[in-house]
Amino acid sequence: MRVSELMQQEVWLTDPDESLADAAKRMRDHGVGSLAVLDGEELVGILTERDVLWATADGATAHLTKVTTYMSSPPVVVSPDMDVVEAGRLMVKWDVRHLPVVALGQLRGMISARDLLVAEEWARALSR
């Protein structure tokens, strides 16, 4: 199975200068665990729930601290045609739970560890 078959095509965005508080609200409001960080059209990072947790643990002031301070950059990315097993291996190797999907330099989607788990359970159900 390819990443393109599992990825979420709707990706929520932030920019490096947005406050962590506003970015965290967007994640909450849309029920997502990560935001792609774009500087113009360029993917420059990813902000995850884990990054917000680290900021909180560091005592960062969420309304004053910018996304760029805690985002993961450069992000580990995958292509739409990559096998999902390989994407899972990358998640384990880099200890990440979300991978932006990029093709021809453009953000195309996001795949999460949860997406991979759902696919695994679906495959098991079909084989029963």
N, C-alpha and C. Protein backbone atom coordinates (compact mmCIF):
# COMPACT_ATOMS: atom_id res chain seq x y z
N MET A 1 0.84 -1.18 0.00
CA MET A 1 0.00 0.00 0.00
C MET A 1 0.89 1.25 0.00
N ARG A 2 0.49 2.24 -0.73
CA ARG A 2 1.25 3.47 -0.86
C ARG A 2 0.75 4.55 0.11
N VAL A 3 1.64 5.47 0.45
CA VAL A 3 1.31 6.59 1.33
C VAL A 3 0.11 7.36 0.78
N SER A 4 0.04 7.54 -0.52
CA SER A 4 -1.05 8.30 -1.13
C SER A 4 -2.42 7.70 -0.84
N GLU A 5 -2.47 6.41 -0.54
CA GLU A 5 -3.74 5.74 -0.27
C GLU A 5 -4.22 5.98 1.16
N LEU A 6 -3.32 6.40 2.05
CA LEU A 6 -3.66 6.59 3.46
C LEU A 6 -3.58 8.04 3.93
N MET A 7 -2.81 8.83 3.24
CA MET A 7 -2.55 10.19 3.73
C MET A 7 -3.82 11.02 3.82
N GLN A 8 -3.79 11.96 4.73
CA GLN A 8 -4.85 12.95 4.83
C GLN A 8 -4.50 14.08 3.86
N GLN A 9 -5.38 14.36 2.94
CA GLN A 9 -5.08 15.39 1.95
C GLN A 9 -5.28 16.79 2.50
N GLU A 10 -6.16 16.92 3.48
CA GLU A 10 -6.37 18.23 4.09
C GLU A 10 -5.33 18.40 5.19
N VAL A 11 -4.46 19.37 5.02
CA VAL A 11 -3.38 19.63 5.97
C VAL A 11 -3.58 21.01 6.56
N TRP A 12 -3.56 21.08 7.87
CA TRP A 12 -3.68 22.37 8.55
C TRP A 12 -2.31 22.99 8.67
N LEU A 13 -2.26 24.30 8.51
CA LEU A 13 -1.00 25.01 8.38
C LEU A 13 -0.79 26.03 9.49
N THR A 14 0.46 26.41 9.65
CA THR A 14 0.85 27.54 10.47
C THR A 14 2.06 28.17 9.80
N ASP A 15 2.49 29.29 10.34
CA ASP A 15 3.72 29.91 9.82
C ASP A 15 4.68 30.09 10.98
N PRO A 16 5.96 30.27 10.69
CA PRO A 16 6.97 30.33 11.74
C PRO A 16 6.74 31.43 12.77
N ASP A 17 6.08 32.51 12.39
CA ASP A 17 5.90 33.64 13.30
C ASP A 17 4.61 33.60 14.12
N GLU A 18 3.77 32.61 13.89
CA GLU A 18 2.54 32.51 14.67
C GLU A 18 2.88 32.10 16.10
N SER A 19 2.05 32.50 17.06
CA SER A 19 2.30 32.12 18.45
C SER A 19 1.94 30.65 18.66
N LEU A 20 2.62 30.03 19.61
CA LEU A 20 2.30 28.65 19.95
C LEU A 20 0.85 28.51 20.40
N ALA A 21 0.35 29.52 21.13
CA ALA A 21 -1.03 29.47 21.60
C ALA A 21 -2.01 29.39 20.42
N ASP A 22 -1.82 30.23 19.42
CA ASP A 22 -2.73 30.22 18.27
C ASP A 22 -2.61 28.91 17.48
N ALA A 23 -1.38 28.43 17.35
CA ALA A 23 -1.18 27.16 16.63
C ALA A 23 -1.82 26.00 17.40
N ALA A 24 -1.66 25.98 18.71
CA ALA A 24 -2.25 24.92 19.53
C ALA A 24 -3.77 24.96 19.46
N LYS A 25 -4.34 26.15 19.43
CA LYS A 25 -5.80 26.28 19.29
C LYS A 25 -6.26 25.69 17.96
N ARG A 26 -5.50 25.93 16.90
CA ARG A 26 -5.86 25.40 15.59
C ARG A 26 -5.83 23.87 15.62
N MET A 27 -4.80 23.29 16.24
CA MET A 27 -4.73 21.83 16.35
C MET A 27 -5.95 21.31 17.11
N ARG A 28 -6.28 21.95 18.22
CA ARG A 28 -7.43 21.54 19.03
C ARG A 28 -8.73 21.66 18.23
N ASP A 29 -8.93 22.80 17.61
CA ASP A 29 -10.18 23.07 16.90
C ASP A 29 -10.41 22.12 15.73
N HIS A 30 -9.33 21.64 15.12
CA HIS A 30 -9.46 20.76 13.96
C HIS A 30 -9.18 19.30 14.30
N GLY A 31 -8.89 19.03 15.56
CA GLY A 31 -8.68 17.65 15.99
C GLY A 31 -7.49 16.98 15.35
N VAL A 32 -6.41 17.74 15.18
CA VAL A 32 -5.20 17.19 14.57
C VAL A 32 -4.03 17.30 15.55
N GLY A 33 -3.04 16.47 15.32
CA GLY A 33 -1.88 16.45 16.20
C GLY A 33 -0.67 17.15 15.65
N SER A 34 -0.81 17.76 14.47
CA SER A 34 0.33 18.46 13.88
C SER A 34 -0.13 19.52 12.90
N LEU A 35 0.74 20.48 12.69
CA LEU A 35 0.54 21.51 11.68
C LEU A 35 1.78 21.59 10.81
N ALA A 36 1.60 21.68 9.53
CA ALA A 36 2.73 21.92 8.64
C ALA A 36 3.10 23.40 8.76
N VAL A 37 4.39 23.68 8.84
CA VAL A 37 4.86 25.07 8.97
C VAL A 37 5.37 25.51 7.61
N LEU A 38 4.68 26.50 7.04
CA LEU A 38 5.07 27.03 5.74
C LEU A 38 5.56 28.45 5.87
N ASP A 39 6.64 28.73 5.17
CA ASP A 39 7.13 30.09 5.02
C ASP A 39 6.88 30.44 3.56
N GLY A 40 5.79 31.13 3.32
CA GLY A 40 5.34 31.33 1.94
C GLY A 40 4.82 30.00 1.43
N GLU A 41 5.41 29.49 0.36
CA GLU A 41 5.03 28.19 -0.20
C GLU A 41 5.95 27.07 0.26
N GLU A 42 7.01 27.41 0.99
CA GLU A 42 8.03 26.42 1.36
C GLU A 42 7.73 25.77 2.70
N LEU A 43 7.73 24.43 2.71
CA LEU A 43 7.59 23.67 3.95
C LEU A 43 8.90 23.78 4.71
N VAL A 44 8.86 24.42 5.87
CA VAL A 44 10.09 24.64 6.64
C VAL A 44 10.11 23.86 7.95
N GLY A 45 8.97 23.26 8.31
CA GLY A 45 8.95 22.51 9.56
C GLY A 45 7.60 21.89 9.81
N ILE A 46 7.49 21.29 10.98
CA ILE A 46 6.24 20.72 11.44
C ILE A 46 6.15 21.01 12.94
N LEU A 47 4.97 21.39 13.37
CA LEU A 47 4.72 21.62 14.79
C LEU A 47 3.76 20.54 15.25
N THR A 48 4.13 19.83 16.31
CA THR A 48 3.30 18.73 16.79
C THR A 48 2.89 18.96 18.23
N GLU A 49 1.95 18.14 18.67
CA GLU A 49 1.53 18.18 20.07
C GLU A 49 2.74 18.01 20.99
N ARG A 50 3.64 17.16 20.60
CA ARG A 50 4.84 16.91 21.39
C ARG A 50 5.68 18.19 21.53
N ASP A 51 5.78 18.96 20.45
CA ASP A 51 6.53 20.22 20.50
C ASP A 51 5.88 21.20 21.48
N VAL A 52 4.54 21.25 21.45
CA VAL A 52 3.81 22.13 22.37
C VAL A 52 4.02 21.67 23.81
N LEU A 53 4.04 20.36 24.02
CA LEU A 53 4.31 19.81 25.35
C LEU A 53 5.69 20.22 25.84
N TRP A 54 6.69 20.11 24.98
CA TRP A 54 8.06 20.53 25.35
C TRP A 54 8.09 22.01 25.72
N ALA A 55 7.39 22.82 24.95
CA ALA A 55 7.36 24.26 25.22
C ALA A 55 6.75 24.51 26.60
N THR A 56 5.67 23.80 26.90
CA THR A 56 5.03 23.95 28.21
C THR A 56 5.98 23.53 29.31
N ALA A 57 6.66 22.41 29.13
CA ALA A 57 7.61 21.93 30.13
C ALA A 57 8.76 22.91 30.34
N ASP A 58 9.12 23.61 29.28
CA ASP A 58 10.19 24.62 29.37
C ASP A 58 9.72 25.93 29.99
N GLY A 59 8.42 26.04 30.22
CA GLY A 59 7.87 27.27 30.79
C GLY A 59 7.70 28.39 29.78
N ALA A 60 7.64 28.04 28.49
CA ALA A 60 7.47 29.04 27.44
C ALA A 60 6.10 29.71 27.58
N THR A 61 6.06 30.99 27.31
CA THR A 61 4.80 31.74 27.32
C THR A 61 4.16 31.56 25.95
N ALA A 62 3.09 30.77 25.91
CA ALA A 62 2.50 30.34 24.64
C ALA A 62 2.05 31.49 23.76
N HIS A 63 1.57 32.58 24.36
CA HIS A 63 1.09 33.71 23.57
C HIS A 63 2.23 34.55 22.99
N LEU A 64 3.42 34.40 23.56
CA LEU A 64 4.56 35.19 23.11
C LEU A 64 5.59 34.38 22.32
N THR A 65 5.61 33.09 22.54
CA THR A 65 6.60 32.23 21.88
C THR A 65 6.14 31.88 20.48
N LYS A 66 7.04 32.02 19.52
CA LYS A 66 6.71 31.74 18.12
C LYS A 66 6.87 30.26 17.80
N VAL A 67 6.11 29.81 16.84
CA VAL A 67 6.18 28.44 16.35
C VAL A 67 7.61 28.04 16.01
N THR A 68 8.35 28.94 15.39
CA THR A 68 9.71 28.63 14.94
C THR A 68 10.62 28.17 16.08
N THR A 69 10.31 28.58 17.31
CA THR A 69 11.14 28.23 18.46
C THR A 69 11.07 26.75 18.78
N TYR A 70 9.93 26.12 18.53
CA TYR A 70 9.74 24.72 18.92
C TYR A 70 9.41 23.76 17.78
N MET A 71 9.23 24.27 16.58
CA MET A 71 8.90 23.37 15.47
C MET A 71 10.09 22.45 15.17
N SER A 72 9.79 21.31 14.58
CA SER A 72 10.83 20.40 14.12
C SER A 72 11.22 20.83 12.71
N SER A 73 12.49 21.12 12.54
CA SER A 73 12.96 21.61 11.25
C SER A 73 14.38 21.13 11.00
N PRO A 74 14.65 20.64 9.80
CA PRO A 74 13.72 20.41 8.70
C PRO A 74 12.86 19.18 9.02
N PRO A 75 11.66 19.13 8.47
CA PRO A 75 10.79 17.98 8.75
C PRO A 75 11.24 16.75 7.97
N VAL A 76 11.01 15.60 8.56
CA VAL A 76 11.18 14.34 7.84
C VAL A 76 9.96 14.21 6.94
N VAL A 77 10.16 14.01 5.66
CA VAL A 77 9.04 13.95 4.72
C VAL A 77 9.06 12.63 3.95
N VAL A 78 7.92 12.31 3.36
CA VAL A 78 7.79 11.14 2.50
C VAL A 78 7.13 11.55 1.20
N SER A 79 7.25 10.68 0.21
CA SER A 79 6.59 10.93 -1.07
C SER A 79 5.30 10.11 -1.13
N PRO A 80 4.36 10.54 -1.94
CA PRO A 80 3.08 9.82 -2.04
C PRO A 80 3.23 8.38 -2.50
N ASP A 81 4.27 8.09 -3.28
CA ASP A 81 4.43 6.73 -3.81
C ASP A 81 5.25 5.81 -2.90
N MET A 82 5.68 6.31 -1.74
CA MET A 82 6.43 5.47 -0.81
C MET A 82 5.51 4.42 -0.20
N ASP A 83 6.04 3.23 0.03
CA ASP A 83 5.30 2.17 0.69
C ASP A 83 5.05 2.56 2.14
N VAL A 84 3.85 2.25 2.66
CA VAL A 84 3.51 2.65 4.03
C VAL A 84 4.39 1.96 5.07
N VAL A 85 4.89 0.79 4.76
CA VAL A 85 5.79 0.10 5.69
C VAL A 85 7.07 0.91 5.83
N GLU A 86 7.58 1.41 4.73
CA GLU A 86 8.78 2.26 4.78
C GLU A 86 8.51 3.56 5.53
N ALA A 87 7.34 4.13 5.33
CA ALA A 87 6.96 5.34 6.08
C ALA A 87 6.95 5.05 7.57
N GLY A 88 6.41 3.90 7.95
CA GLY A 88 6.41 3.50 9.36
C GLY A 88 7.82 3.35 9.90
N ARG A 89 8.70 2.79 9.10
CA ARG A 89 10.10 2.65 9.52
C ARG A 89 10.74 4.01 9.75
N LEU A 90 10.42 4.97 8.89
CA LEU A 90 10.95 6.33 9.08
C LEU A 90 10.44 6.94 10.37
N MET A 91 9.16 6.70 10.67
CA MET A 91 8.61 7.22 11.93
C MET A 91 9.36 6.67 13.13
N VAL A 92 9.65 5.38 13.09
CA VAL A 92 10.40 4.75 14.19
C VAL A 92 11.83 5.28 14.23
N LYS A 93 12.48 5.32 13.07
CA LYS A 93 13.88 5.78 13.01
C LYS A 93 14.05 7.18 13.56
N TRP A 94 13.14 8.09 13.19
CA TRP A 94 13.27 9.49 13.58
C TRP A 94 12.42 9.86 14.80
N ASP A 95 11.74 8.86 15.38
CA ASP A 95 10.91 9.07 16.57
C ASP A 95 9.89 10.18 16.34
N VAL A 96 9.14 10.07 15.24
CA VAL A 96 8.09 11.04 14.90
C VAL A 96 6.77 10.30 14.68
N ARG A 97 5.68 11.02 14.78
CA ARG A 97 4.35 10.42 14.61
C ARG A 97 3.60 10.98 13.41
N HIS A 98 4.17 12.01 12.79
CA HIS A 98 3.53 12.65 11.63
C HIS A 98 4.59 12.90 10.57
N LEU A 99 4.23 12.62 9.32
CA LEU A 99 5.13 12.87 8.21
C LEU A 99 4.41 13.66 7.13
N PRO A 100 4.91 14.85 6.81
CA PRO A 100 4.36 15.56 5.66
C PRO A 100 4.64 14.77 4.38
N VAL A 101 3.68 14.79 3.48
CA VAL A 101 3.81 14.11 2.20
C VAL A 101 4.10 15.18 1.15
N VAL A 102 5.23 15.04 0.47
CA VAL A 102 5.69 16.06 -0.47
C VAL A 102 5.96 15.42 -1.83
N ALA A 103 5.49 16.08 -2.89
CA ALA A 103 5.75 15.66 -4.26
C ALA A 103 6.12 16.88 -5.07
N LEU A 104 7.20 16.78 -5.80
CA LEU A 104 7.68 17.88 -6.65
C LEU A 104 7.81 19.18 -5.86
N GLY A 105 8.27 19.05 -4.62
CA GLY A 105 8.49 20.22 -3.78
C GLY A 105 7.25 20.84 -3.18
N GLN A 106 6.10 20.22 -3.39
CA GLN A 106 4.83 20.75 -2.89
C GLN A 106 4.23 19.83 -1.83
N LEU A 107 3.70 20.43 -0.77
CA LEU A 107 3.01 19.70 0.27
C LEU A 107 1.71 19.12 -0.30
N ARG A 108 1.55 17.80 -0.19
CA ARG A 108 0.37 17.12 -0.74
C ARG A 108 -0.53 16.52 0.32
N GLY A 109 0.01 16.30 1.52
CA GLY A 109 -0.80 15.69 2.56
C GLY A 109 0.02 15.44 3.81
N MET A 110 -0.58 14.67 4.72
CA MET A 110 0.08 14.32 5.98
C MET A 110 -0.33 12.88 6.30
N ILE A 111 0.63 12.11 6.78
CA ILE A 111 0.32 10.76 7.23
C ILE A 111 0.79 10.64 8.67
N SER A 112 -0.03 9.98 9.48
CA SER A 112 0.29 9.85 10.90
C SER A 112 0.42 8.39 11.29
N ALA A 113 1.00 8.17 12.46
CA ALA A 113 1.10 6.82 12.99
C ALA A 113 -0.30 6.22 13.14
N ARG A 114 -1.25 7.04 13.50
CA ARG A 114 -2.64 6.57 13.63
C ARG A 114 -3.16 6.07 12.30
N ASP A 115 -2.86 6.77 11.22
CA ASP A 115 -3.28 6.32 9.89
C ASP A 115 -2.73 4.92 9.61
N LEU A 116 -1.47 4.70 9.98
CA LEU A 116 -0.84 3.39 9.75
C LEU A 116 -1.49 2.31 10.59
N LEU A 117 -1.84 2.64 11.83
CA LEU A 117 -2.50 1.67 12.70
C LEU A 117 -3.89 1.30 12.18
N VAL A 118 -4.63 2.28 11.70
CA VAL A 118 -5.96 2.02 11.13
C VAL A 118 -5.83 1.11 9.91
N ALA A 119 -4.85 1.36 9.06
CA ALA A 119 -4.65 0.53 7.87
C ALA A 119 -4.28 -0.89 8.27
N GLU A 120 -3.46 -1.04 9.28
CA GLU A 120 -3.07 -2.36 9.75
C GLU A 120 -4.28 -3.14 10.26
N GLU A 121 -5.11 -2.49 11.04
CA GLU A 121 -6.32 -3.15 11.57
C GLU A 121 -7.29 -3.49 10.44
N TRP A 122 -7.41 -2.61 9.47
CA TRP A 122 -8.27 -2.86 8.32
C TRP A 122 -7.79 -4.09 7.56
N ALA A 123 -6.47 -4.19 7.36
CA ALA A 123 -5.89 -5.34 6.65
C ALA A 123 -6.15 -6.63 7.43
N ARG A 124 -6.04 -6.59 8.75
CA ARG A 124 -6.32 -7.77 9.56
C ARG A 124 -7.77 -8.19 9.45
N ALA A 125 -8.67 -7.21 9.46
CA ALA A 125 -10.09 -7.51 9.37
C ALA A 125 -10.42 -8.20 8.03
N LEU A 126 -9.77 -7.76 6.97
CA LEU A 126 -10.02 -8.34 5.65
C LEU A 126 -9.49 -9.76 5.55
N SER A 127 -8.43 -10.06 6.28
CA SER A 127 -7.83 -11.38 6.18
C SER A 127 -8.52 -12.42 7.07
N ARG A 128 -9.49 -11.99 7.86
CA ARG A 128 -10.19 -12.95 8.75
C ARG A 128 -11.24 -13.71 8.02
